Amino acid sequence: TITLLKLPRGGKEVTSDVIVGEYAEKGIPNISGMDADKTSAPLTVKDKGNLTVGGEEMTFVSGVSERGGKTFSQFIGSLIPKSNPSVIIIQGVCFDSETYKMEQTKKLLSAIKSF
């Protein structure tokens, strides 16, 4: 499951690195259909880096998280388009594996041409 959100930026000091780091540390609010009233546990980061998505640099982390006694792999990416004062959050969840299937996410993200 992959979800994209567009949110207000919240200030010039907010960067993609800060956003991804906070979500990995605190857990991400449910946007994927699991337990609507809960946040996932902190993410145990296994990979981090940057990707170009729609001509913009996106910071990401992936790893393992837990909710309701279930362990799953998760991807959290963030980018701030130069032409728009918003933040794009991309969350991917793989419920059947503790290893995130990054190639599938890269394939989807490569289809985005601009923001």
Protein backbone atom coordinates (compact mmCIF):
# COMPACT_ATOMS: atom_id res chain seq x y z
CA THR A 1 0.00 0.00 0.00
CA ILE A 2 1.37 3.41 -0.97
CA THR A 3 -0.22 6.69 0.11
CA LEU A 4 0.67 10.23 -0.98
CA LEU A 5 -0.32 13.26 1.08
CA LYS A 6 0.05 16.97 0.40
CA LEU A 7 0.26 19.12 3.54
CA PRO A 8 1.11 22.76 4.35
CA ARG A 9 4.85 23.21 4.80
CA GLY A 10 4.68 24.74 8.27
CA GLY A 11 7.67 27.12 8.12
CA LYS A 12 10.98 27.62 6.33
CA GLU A 13 12.87 25.62 8.97
CA VAL A 14 10.89 22.51 8.00
CA THR A 15 12.91 20.32 5.64
CA SER A 16 12.33 16.89 4.17
CA ASP A 17 15.10 15.52 6.42
CA VAL A 18 13.32 16.88 9.51
CA ILE A 19 9.93 15.51 8.45
CA VAL A 20 11.22 12.02 7.65
CA GLY A 21 13.29 11.95 10.84
CA GLU A 22 10.33 12.93 13.04
CA TYR A 23 8.00 10.38 11.47
CA ALA A 24 10.63 7.64 11.80
CA GLU A 25 11.27 8.57 15.44
CA LYS A 26 7.67 9.05 16.59
CA GLY A 27 5.73 6.83 14.22
CA ILE A 28 3.52 7.92 11.38
CA PRO A 29 -0.20 8.65 11.74
CA ASN A 30 -2.36 6.01 10.16
CA ILE A 31 -2.95 6.81 6.51
CA SER A 32 -2.91 3.27 5.22
CA GLY A 33 -6.10 1.71 6.58
CA MET A 34 -4.74 0.04 9.74
CA ASP A 35 -6.33 0.93 13.11
CA ALA A 36 -7.52 4.40 12.12
CA ASP A 37 -7.08 5.88 15.60
CA LYS A 38 -3.45 4.81 16.15
CA THR A 39 0.04 5.85 15.14
CA SER A 40 2.62 3.23 14.21
CA ALA A 41 5.51 2.60 16.57
CA PRO A 42 8.85 4.22 15.77
CA LEU A 43 10.52 2.90 12.65
CA THR A 44 13.68 0.82 13.00
CA VAL A 45 15.54 2.30 10.04
CA LYS A 46 17.25 -0.21 7.74
CA ASP A 47 17.85 2.09 4.75
CA LYS A 48 17.85 5.81 4.06
CA GLY A 49 18.69 8.04 1.16
CA ASN A 50 17.43 10.35 -1.54
CA LEU A 51 15.54 9.78 -4.76
CA THR A 52 14.52 12.15 -7.54
CA VAL A 53 10.73 12.18 -7.91
CA GLY A 54 9.03 14.44 -10.43
CA GLY A 55 12.23 16.47 -10.79
CA GLU A 56 12.43 17.10 -7.02
CA GLU A 57 14.72 15.59 -4.39
CA MET A 58 12.92 13.29 -1.95
CA THR A 59 14.45 12.16 1.35
CA PHE A 60 13.37 8.69 2.50
CA VAL A 61 13.84 6.03 5.13
CA SER A 62 12.62 2.44 5.16
CA GLY A 63 12.62 -0.17 7.85
CA VAL A 64 10.45 -2.11 10.26
CA SER A 65 7.63 -0.87 12.47
CA GLU A 66 4.91 -2.40 14.64
CA ARG A 67 1.27 -1.78 15.37
CA GLY A 68 -1.12 -3.94 17.33
CA GLY A 69 1.48 -6.67 17.82
CA LYS A 70 2.08 -6.97 14.06
CA THR A 71 5.47 -6.22 12.53
CA PHE A 72 5.62 -4.81 9.00
CA SER A 73 8.01 -2.96 6.70
CA GLN A 74 7.45 0.68 5.98
CA PHE A 75 8.74 3.46 3.73
CA ILE A 76 8.49 7.16 4.57
CA GLY A 77 9.50 9.78 2.02
CA SER A 78 9.16 13.54 1.98
CA LEU A 79 9.79 16.27 -0.55
CA ILE A 80 9.14 19.99 -0.70
CA PRO A 81 8.51 21.13 -4.29
CA LYS A 82 10.39 24.31 -5.24
CA SER A 83 7.32 25.75 -6.95
CA ASN A 84 4.85 25.11 -4.13
CA PRO A 85 4.93 25.88 -0.38
CA SER A 86 3.69 22.42 0.55
CA VAL A 87 5.12 19.12 1.73
CA ILE A 88 4.52 15.84 -0.07
CA ILE A 89 4.61 12.80 2.24
CA ILE A 90 4.81 9.34 0.70
CA GLN A 91 4.18 6.34 2.91
CA GLY A 92 4.50 2.75 1.82
CA VAL A 93 3.57 -0.27 3.91
CA CYS A 94 4.27 -3.92 3.20
CA PHE A 95 2.25 -6.01 5.64
CA ASP A 96 3.59 -9.40 4.55
CA SER A 97 7.31 -8.77 4.86
CA GLU A 98 9.88 -7.22 7.17
CA THR A 99 11.85 -6.16 4.10
CA TYR A 100 10.35 -3.21 2.22
CA LYS A 101 9.85 -3.83 -1.50
CA MET A 102 11.65 -0.71 -2.69
CA GLU A 103 11.70 -1.60 -6.39
CA GLN A 104 7.90 -1.47 -6.60
CA THR A 105 7.86 1.96 -4.95
CA LYS A 106 10.61 3.26 -7.25
CA LYS A 107 8.62 2.09 -10.27
CA LEU A 108 5.51 3.96 -9.12
CA LEU A 109 7.42 7.11 -8.18
CA SER A 110 9.21 7.17 -11.55
CA ALA A 111 5.82 7.73 -13.20
CA ILE A 112 5.46 11.12 -11.45
CA LYS A 113 6.72 13.76 -13.89
CA SER A 114 6.20 16.96 -11.87
CA PHE A 115 4.46 18.55 -8.89
